[in-house]
Amino acid sequence: MSTCSVSKGCFVFKPSPKKRRVSQKTAVCFGEREDDSEDANLRFVTCQSLWNEIKSATEQIQEDLNQQFFDNLVSFLRRSHSEFQEKTTEWTCQMKSREIPTAALVLGVNVTDHDLTFRSLSEVLQNTITPYIALLEAKDCPGIKNLMQKLMGQLMNCYVDVDSLEDEDCVQVSQNRIRCSMSSLINWYNSVTKKTDSETPRKKRTSSSRHWQSPPVVVVFKDMESFSTEVLQDFIVISSQHIHELPLILIFGIATSPMIIHSSLPHSVSSLLCIELFQSLSSKEHLSTIIDKLLLTAQFPFKLGEKVLQVLINIFLYHDFSVQNFIKGFQLSVVEHFYTQPLSILCCQLVDAKNRVNSLSHNQCENIRRLPSFRRYVESQASEKQIALLTTDSYLKEIIQKLLEDLHVYHENYVSVLRCLHVFTSSLPKYPLGKQIRELHCACLENQVWETEEYESSLQLARMLNKSDLVTMLQQCVEIFVSSSGKEFDKTVEKLKEFLTQFQKLEEGEAFQEQDVSVSSQKELQKKTDLYHLQKTLLELKESRRSKKLTKFEMLRFEVVDYIDSLVRPQDSARDSVFQHSQRSPGAPQRCPEDCASYGFK
């Protein structure tokens, strides 16, 4: 037999368990391009610092959004096992029915966000209720043996070897043979709680400040729909038989509907659960809050352009409903911007940006002069200024600093006027400019919003609003401008308050006089059955409306809508800017062409 067949064998080489060394060339990657290698390290540091700020703000937003949800769940856990903690006889009486306290968490179909929610929930429970928490997934629990093995392994904080199992009732735990059963779990729980109770008074006080003396055991099924029905049935039946000995609480993570519990479990099993429903914030509301706090603010200089923002929103709405994926896409946009744009060193706070302008090199100044937007700006200046801008770097830096200030003011004013416009358009019939503020923001990024048919339609509908709605909207706009950090809004606030005062002086009967006339005219039209007389009556009504004078309320309503329109439309201004933003009014669309994005505002 030839030995050459040995060389034709298939050999498997398992990877080394040693951690691979991570390359420290991340910052160098920003300077790999030949045309933008200058200040690569500064761009990397700026990118890293900016994203850390955005990340911390995002985490705080998510924590605030889940706060009420977690508080309600913690309150449920406290109520469920308060009697067991006090060791009163009421607990035995209540649990004679063998009902297991169960929290059904409806989290939505954005499954990719569930891991973050459960991690945050686990931290909250460990800090307030109990250290004994097990997070189970369907892929790790194909059978009841695997479920018990995973449960005991997490609770005992040890590794259990699944491959070494020969007996279905036994697992290997810390080199000791322990039966994988509920009785073993109860014995372990009793030994742990007795050990805690026998600690020194000082340690006991420290422990009781975070957890109860007899904390419950919380078992979280992260994807309840994916678990085998037989596995859930067996575990629930076994647990209900020992509920008087072990303070057990179940938490079901549900993506679809809570009815899945009753449809997947028979009544004999579901009747063993004392279920309480908890509804988390919807992913759409979550995304709206993220966009409102991260994008529609002057806190962060980085802005998403029209196409990028629309792609991220479309992926969210038509693909996965995942807020985490939206944030990852946002992070990718930040990194790509700083990597590809040499002048992204100016994408920082205004004070730092002005200081960095002073240190721009001649090559960076030439990059500014090559921008199409800067060329248009130069062409609009006098011949003496044109020569100075194209030849003198110091004069160019002075102008850039002024334009940066203008852009910063524009961002602050844009957000305030956008919110004010959203107040007037979000409640109109059929929502011509969208119901969510993100839809209005995308419309402003895409086009000059005041030139669109949807905007004209919104103005026409706003001119038909009643008095109470107008007063409420004006009050909301006053609050927006008062709380805004933008400048030049003092006169706007005074004008809006003046409108409110005029509305208060109007007599309600005069304000709705035309409404009474229209009702009477409609009754007359109902009496007309002949087509000729009906058309004649309509023409007479049309002519009478043209010749009829407007009431004071109608005149004031038109004046209010026209004033809001004036805030949105561009004003004649002597200021020009390298940035297309500062060439528009505060309500102008925030369009960011590629040359403007080169300055660090995308």
Foldseek 3Di string as FASTA:
>chain_A
DDPPVVVVDDDDDDDDPDDDDDDPCPLVLLLPDPQQNPCSNLLVVQLVVQVVVLVVVLVVLVCVQCVVLLVVVVVLQCVLCVCVLVVDCVVVVVLPLLAAEEEEEAEAQLLVCLVVVVVVSLVVCQQAEHPAEAEDEQVQPQDLLSVLVRNVCRRVVFDWDPVPDPDSQWIQTPNDIFGSAVVSVLVVLVVVLVVLVPDDPVSNVVVCVGYGSNGAHEYEHSEVLSHQLVNVQVVQVRSSVCCVRGVYYYYYYYHDDPCSVPVSYPPVRCVSYPYDYGYHDQLVVSLLSSCCVNALDLPFQAHDALVLVVVLVCCCVPPRSHPVVSVVSVSVVSVVLSSPFSQLSLRDDLVSNLVVLVVDDPSVLVLLCPFPLVVVVLVVDDPVVNVCSVPPSVVVSVQQSVQSVLLSLLSLLLSLLLVLVLLQQLPFPPRLQDNRSVSVLSCLSPDFNCPDPSNVVSLVRLLPDALVSVLVSLVVSLVSLVPGPHPPCPVVNVVSVVLNVVSVPDDPCLRCVVVVVVVVLVVVLVVDDDPVVNVVSVVVVVVCVVPDDDTPNSVSSNVVSVVSVVQQFFDDDPDDHSFPSSNGHSNHRRHGDPSNCSNNYD
